[in-house]
């Protein structure tokens, strides 16, 4: 981070500039404004390293001194850049924000990257690529965990279907541990059509994670351009997505258990996909 900051001491959280920090419940406001909230040291540091536009910080003086010691603050004019406000509050004031044990008294607001289509994203990737698509995933925490799994297992990009939660929602960002900042994300208003185009124009095999699939992760081939589709927490993958999938693939489990939490299932799928792809090198 090489932009100037402006330290501003505050004694109340009622300032309009601090509204995004005060509540977890105004998801629509954040989406409409094109902003997201990062919480906790690791997430904030990853945001600072990502190059994404920053709007402001809110933290205790201890965190301010740790992140922005005097010898690291740049001075002078930086063309086209305004100083980023760092709002500094007493610990007791920051503790009043719900989830202090999670945000640790250090938060930031950033701008969501400009939306890109799946085709635009794919054009930036080196082949063979591994993608993950989200079909009707509504739980932001699950979305965040899946994004973190994607980063852990070398996924090249994530496709977010029209009925899925944004990976930039507050809980999603938190559960991704900030890995969303370095992972290409594309949104689509018609996931089925986007997947079909990936298959037809980019020779991408569409693998649907389905508990009653016609094959298992052990028999499925994850080489080449692949997109793994993960479905709704309760209902799984929609019929129209299953219709365009090339393979319906399940995870072998004990007969008394029919499925895993979707975030857990994503880790199993991505581990096997990465194992195969590494072995095939």
Protein backbone atom coordinates (compact mmCIF):
# COMPACT_ATOMS: atom_id res chain seq x y z
CA UNK A 1 0.00 0.00 0.00
CA UNK A 2 1.61 3.26 -1.10
CA UNK A 3 -1.23 5.73 -0.67
CA UNK A 4 -1.31 8.44 1.96
CA UNK A 5 -3.56 8.04 4.96
CA UNK A 6 -5.30 10.60 7.14
CA UNK A 7 -5.73 9.73 10.81
CA UNK A 8 -9.06 10.91 12.23
CA UNK A 9 -9.89 10.37 15.89
CA UNK A 10 -13.59 9.75 16.51
CA UNK A 11 -15.58 9.63 19.73
CA UNK A 12 -18.83 8.33 18.21
CA UNK A 13 -19.79 5.77 15.59
CA UNK A 14 -22.78 7.84 14.46
CA UNK A 15 -20.86 9.58 11.69
CA UNK A 16 -22.33 8.85 8.22
CA UNK A 17 -18.88 7.75 7.03
CA UNK A 18 -18.89 4.96 9.62
CA UNK A 19 -22.33 3.57 8.80
CA UNK A 20 -20.97 0.54 6.86
CA UNK A 21 -19.10 -0.64 9.94
CA UNK A 22 -21.95 -0.46 12.42
CA UNK A 23 -24.17 -3.37 11.42
CA UNK A 24 -24.09 -6.79 9.75
CA UNK A 25 -27.67 -6.51 8.57
CA UNK A 26 -27.62 -4.01 5.70
CA UNK A 27 -26.42 -6.32 2.94
CA UNK A 28 -28.47 -4.61 0.21
CA UNK A 29 -27.06 -1.19 1.07
CA UNK A 30 -23.51 -2.46 0.69
CA UNK A 31 -24.29 -4.25 -2.57
CA UNK A 32 -26.01 -1.17 -4.02
CA UNK A 33 -23.09 1.01 -2.99
CA UNK A 34 -20.56 -1.44 -4.44
CA UNK A 35 -18.64 -1.75 -1.19
CA UNK A 36 -17.61 -4.48 1.22
CA UNK A 37 -16.33 -4.65 4.79
CA UNK A 38 -13.14 -6.47 5.75
CA UNK A 39 -12.77 -7.56 9.38
CA UNK A 40 -9.78 -8.77 11.37
CA UNK A 41 -6.04 -8.36 10.99
CA UNK A 42 -5.40 -11.05 8.36
CA UNK A 43 -8.33 -10.00 6.18
CA UNK A 44 -7.45 -6.30 6.37
CA UNK A 45 -3.80 -6.96 5.60
CA UNK A 46 -4.77 -9.06 2.57
CA UNK A 47 -7.02 -6.26 1.40
CA UNK A 48 -4.16 -3.77 1.73
CA UNK A 49 -1.91 -6.06 -0.32
CA UNK A 50 -4.52 -6.78 -2.99
CA UNK A 51 -4.48 -3.48 -4.83
CA UNK A 52 -8.27 -3.15 -4.60
CA UNK A 53 -9.53 0.42 -3.99
CA UNK A 54 -9.78 1.29 -0.31
CA UNK A 55 -12.37 3.69 1.08
CA UNK A 56 -11.54 3.86 4.79
CA UNK A 57 -10.33 2.08 7.91
CA UNK A 58 -11.76 1.88 11.43
CA UNK A 59 -9.50 0.65 14.21
CA UNK A 60 -8.09 1.22 17.66
CA UNK A 61 -5.01 3.37 18.11
CA UNK A 62 -2.96 0.25 18.85
CA UNK A 63 -3.84 -1.18 15.45
CA UNK A 64 -3.19 2.17 13.79
CA UNK A 65 0.30 2.32 15.27
CA UNK A 66 0.96 -1.29 14.20
CA UNK A 67 -0.28 -0.93 10.61
CA UNK A 68 0.79 2.64 9.94
CA UNK A 69 3.89 3.47 11.97
CA UNK A 70 5.22 6.93 11.18
CA UNK A 71 8.16 5.69 9.13
CA UNK A 72 5.81 3.81 6.78
CA UNK A 73 3.38 6.65 6.07
CA UNK A 74 4.08 8.23 2.71
CA UNK A 75 4.03 12.01 2.53
CA UNK A 76 3.61 14.46 -0.30
CA UNK A 77 1.16 14.51 -3.16
CA UNK A 78 0.27 11.30 -5.00
CA UNK A 79 -1.27 12.09 -8.36
CA UNK A 80 -4.93 11.18 -8.57
CA UNK A 81 -5.10 9.76 -5.03
CA UNK A 82 -6.88 11.21 -2.04
CA UNK A 83 -5.64 10.28 1.43
CA UNK A 84 -7.48 7.28 2.87
CA UNK A 85 -9.19 8.13 6.16
CA UNK A 86 -8.17 5.97 9.10
CA UNK A 87 -10.80 6.45 11.79
CA UNK A 88 -9.33 5.81 15.23
CA UNK A 89 -11.59 5.02 18.16
CA UNK A 90 -11.14 3.91 21.75
CA UNK A 91 -11.31 0.15 22.25
CA UNK A 92 -14.54 0.38 24.25
CA UNK A 93 -16.20 2.13 21.30
CA UNK A 94 -15.02 -0.42 18.72
CA UNK A 95 -16.08 -3.21 21.10
CA UNK A 96 -19.68 -1.98 20.77
CA UNK A 97 -19.74 -3.18 17.14
CA UNK A 98 -21.21 -6.69 16.97
CA UNK A 99 -18.61 -9.42 16.50
CA UNK A 100 -15.64 -7.86 18.27
CA UNK A 101 -14.08 -11.30 18.80
CA UNK A 102 -14.05 -11.62 15.01
CA UNK A 103 -13.08 -8.15 13.84
CA UNK A 104 -10.56 -7.67 16.69
CA UNK A 105 -10.93 -3.90 16.58
CA UNK A 106 -9.60 -3.54 13.02
CA UNK A 107 -11.79 -3.12 9.93
CA UNK A 108 -11.72 -1.57 6.47
CA UNK A 109 -14.15 -0.73 3.69
CA UNK A 110 -13.17 -1.42 0.08
CA UNK A 111 -14.78 -1.15 -3.34
CA UNK A 112 -16.08 -4.28 -5.03
CA UNK A 113 -14.22 -4.85 -8.32
CA UNK A 114 -16.07 -3.99 -11.52
CA UNK A 115 -18.18 -6.96 -12.64
CA UNK A 116 -16.85 -9.22 -15.38
CA UNK A 117 -18.59 -11.94 -17.35
CA UNK A 118 -17.42 -15.57 -17.27
CA UNK A 119 -16.12 -15.22 -20.85
CA UNK A 120 -14.14 -12.10 -19.93
CA UNK A 121 -12.66 -13.86 -16.92
CA UNK A 122 -11.73 -17.00 -18.85
CA UNK A 123 -9.89 -14.92 -21.47
CA UNK A 124 -7.48 -13.80 -18.74
CA UNK A 125 -6.71 -17.34 -17.51
CA UNK A 126 -3.96 -19.70 -18.58
CA UNK A 127 -5.22 -23.06 -19.82
CA UNK A 128 -5.90 -25.67 -18.63
CA UNK A 129 -7.98 -23.92 -15.99
CA UNK A 130 -10.01 -25.13 -13.02
CA UNK A 131 -13.18 -23.20 -12.18
CA UNK A 132 -15.90 -23.44 -9.55
CA UNK A 133 -19.48 -22.32 -10.23
CA UNK A 134 -22.05 -21.53 -7.53
CA UNK A 135 -25.66 -22.41 -8.25
CA UNK A 136 -28.20 -20.88 -5.83
CA UNK A 137 -25.84 -20.82 -2.84
CA UNK A 138 -27.56 -18.41 -0.47
CA UNK A 139 -25.57 -18.76 2.74
CA UNK A 140 -22.82 -16.12 2.72
CA UNK A 141 -20.71 -18.07 5.22
CA UNK A 142 -20.73 -21.13 2.95
CA UNK A 143 -19.79 -18.95 -0.02
CA UNK A 144 -16.86 -17.54 1.92
CA UNK A 145 -15.66 -20.97 3.00
CA UNK A 146 -15.88 -22.24 -0.57
CA UNK A 147 -13.85 -19.27 -1.82
CA UNK A 148 -11.22 -20.05 0.81
CA UNK A 149 -11.15 -23.69 -0.34
CA UNK A 150 -10.81 -22.52 -3.93
CA UNK A 151 -7.77 -20.44 -3.02
CA UNK A 152 -6.28 -23.31 -1.02
CA UNK A 153 -6.54 -25.81 -3.89
CA UNK A 154 -5.52 -23.57 -6.77
CA UNK A 155 -8.85 -22.78 -8.43
CA UNK A 156 -8.37 -20.23 -11.20
CA UNK A 157 -11.73 -18.49 -10.98
CA UNK A 158 -15.23 -18.55 -9.47
CA UNK A 159 -18.54 -18.14 -11.33
CA UNK A 160 -21.38 -16.78 -9.23
CA UNK A 161 -24.84 -17.73 -10.48
CA UNK A 162 -27.76 -15.31 -10.59
CA UNK A 163 -29.35 -16.66 -7.38
CA UNK A 164 -26.17 -17.02 -5.31
CA UNK A 165 -24.90 -14.71 -2.59
CA UNK A 166 -22.09 -12.37 -3.45
CA UNK A 167 -18.64 -13.43 -2.18
CA UNK A 168 -18.21 -9.79 -1.14
CA UNK A 169 -20.90 -9.88 1.53
CA UNK A 170 -19.47 -9.20 4.97
CA UNK A 171 -19.75 -12.76 6.28
CA UNK A 172 -18.45 -14.17 3.00
CA UNK A 173 -15.38 -11.94 3.04
CA UNK A 174 -14.72 -12.88 6.66
CA UNK A 175 -15.07 -16.62 6.07
CA UNK A 176 -12.88 -16.46 2.97
CA UNK A 177 -10.17 -14.94 5.20
CA UNK A 178 -9.70 -12.30 2.50
CA UNK A 179 -8.73 -14.82 -0.20
CA UNK A 180 -11.56 -13.41 -2.33
CA UNK A 181 -9.37 -10.35 -2.94
CA UNK A 182 -6.90 -12.36 -5.02
CA UNK A 183 -9.29 -14.76 -6.77
CA UNK A 184 -10.97 -13.86 -10.09
CA UNK A 185 -14.75 -13.74 -9.67
CA UNK A 186 -17.31 -13.49 -12.48
CA UNK A 187 -21.04 -12.96 -12.12
CA UNK A 188 -23.64 -14.24 -14.54
CA UNK A 189 -27.36 -13.63 -14.96
CA UNK A 190 -27.79 -17.04 -16.60
CA UNK A 191 -25.49 -19.68 -15.14
CA UNK A 192 -26.80 -22.48 -17.36
CA UNK A 193 -26.08 -20.48 -20.52
CA UNK A 194 -22.64 -19.47 -19.23
CA UNK A 195 -21.73 -23.08 -18.48
CA UNK A 196 -22.93 -24.21 -21.89
CA UNK A 197 -20.79 -21.53 -23.54
CA UNK A 198 -17.77 -22.60 -21.49
CA UNK A 199 -18.27 -26.16 -22.71
CA UNK A 200 -18.84 -25.29 -26.35
CA UNK A 201 -16.31 -22.47 -26.84
CA UNK A 202 -13.60 -23.32 -24.32
CA UNK A 203 -13.76 -27.14 -24.27
CA UNK A 204 -14.65 -27.08 -20.58
CA UNK A 205 -16.04 -30.18 -18.88
CA UNK A 206 -18.88 -29.27 -16.56
CA UNK A 207 -18.77 -31.45 -13.45
CA UNK A 208 -21.84 -31.24 -11.20
CA UNK A 209 -21.30 -32.15 -7.56
CA UNK A 210 -24.32 -34.40 -7.09
CA UNK A 211 -24.83 -36.94 -4.27
CA UNK A 212 -26.60 -39.34 -6.65
CA UNK A 213 -24.19 -38.93 -9.51
CA UNK A 214 -23.38 -41.53 -12.12
CA UNK A 215 -19.71 -41.52 -11.08
CA UNK A 216 -17.55 -40.67 -8.08
CA UNK A 217 -14.65 -38.29 -7.57
CA UNK A 218 -12.30 -41.28 -7.95
CA UNK A 219 -13.56 -42.21 -11.41
CA UNK A 220 -14.11 -38.67 -12.64
CA UNK A 221 -11.35 -37.12 -14.76
CA UNK A 222 -10.40 -33.63 -13.59
CA UNK A 223 -7.75 -32.88 -16.22
CA UNK A 224 -8.06 -30.18 -18.88
CA UNK A 225 -10.44 -27.25 -18.59
CA UNK A 226 -12.91 -28.14 -15.84
CA UNK A 227 -15.69 -26.31 -14.02
CA UNK A 228 -17.04 -27.90 -10.83
CA UNK A 229 -20.60 -26.80 -10.02
CA UNK A 230 -21.78 -26.63 -6.40
CA UNK A 231 -25.48 -26.37 -5.59
CA UNK A 232 -27.94 -25.02 -3.06
CA UNK A 233 -27.46 -26.00 0.57
CA UNK A 234 -30.80 -27.80 0.81
CA UNK A 235 -31.90 -28.64 -2.71
CA UNK A 236 -28.60 -29.17 -4.49
CA UNK A 237 -28.02 -28.28 -8.13
CA UNK A 238 -31.02 -27.13 -10.17
CA UNK A 239 -32.36 -29.29 -12.99
CA UNK A 240 -31.43 -26.80 -15.70
CA UNK A 241 -27.80 -26.87 -14.53
CA UNK A 242 -27.80 -30.67 -14.33
CA UNK A 243 -29.08 -30.69 -17.89
CA UNK A 244 -25.96 -28.93 -19.22
CA UNK A 245 -23.48 -30.84 -17.02
CA UNK A 246 -21.21 -33.42 -18.63
CA UNK A 247 -20.76 -35.46 -15.45
CA UNK A 248 -22.80 -35.91 -12.28
CA UNK A 249 -20.26 -36.81 -9.62
CA UNK A 250 -20.68 -37.88 -6.01
CA UNK A 251 -18.44 -38.43 -2.99
CA UNK A 252 -18.32 -42.02 -1.71
CA UNK A 253 -19.73 -42.07 1.84
CA UNK A 254 -21.16 -44.46 4.39
CA UNK A 255 -24.70 -45.50 3.49
CA UNK A 256 -26.19 -43.80 6.54
CA UNK A 257 -25.05 -40.37 5.24
CA UNK A 258 -26.35 -39.02 1.94
CA UNK A 259 -24.50 -35.72 1.67
CA UNK A 260 -22.03 -33.26 3.21
CA UNK A 261 -22.30 -29.55 3.89
CA UNK A 262 -21.59 -27.86 0.55
CA UNK A 263 -18.44 -26.15 1.84
CA UNK A 264 -17.09 -29.47 3.11
CA UNK A 265 -18.00 -31.16 -0.17
CA UNK A 266 -16.14 -28.45 -2.08
CA UNK A 267 -12.95 -29.21 -0.14
CA UNK A 268 -13.22 -32.93 -0.99
CA UNK A 269 -13.84 -32.25 -4.69
CA UNK A 270 -11.07 -29.67 -4.96
CA UNK A 271 -8.55 -31.80 -3.12
CA UNK A 272 -9.14 -34.67 -5.55
CA UNK A 273 -9.11 -32.33 -8.56
CA UNK A 274 -5.81 -30.79 -7.47
CA UNK A 275 -4.32 -34.23 -6.72
CA UNK A 276 -5.16 -35.46 -10.20
CA UNK A 277 -3.97 -32.32 -11.92
CA UNK A 278 -0.65 -32.34 -10.05
CA UNK A 279 -0.15 -36.03 -10.78
CA UNK A 280 -0.79 -35.42 -14.47
CA UNK A 281 1.95 -32.84 -14.85
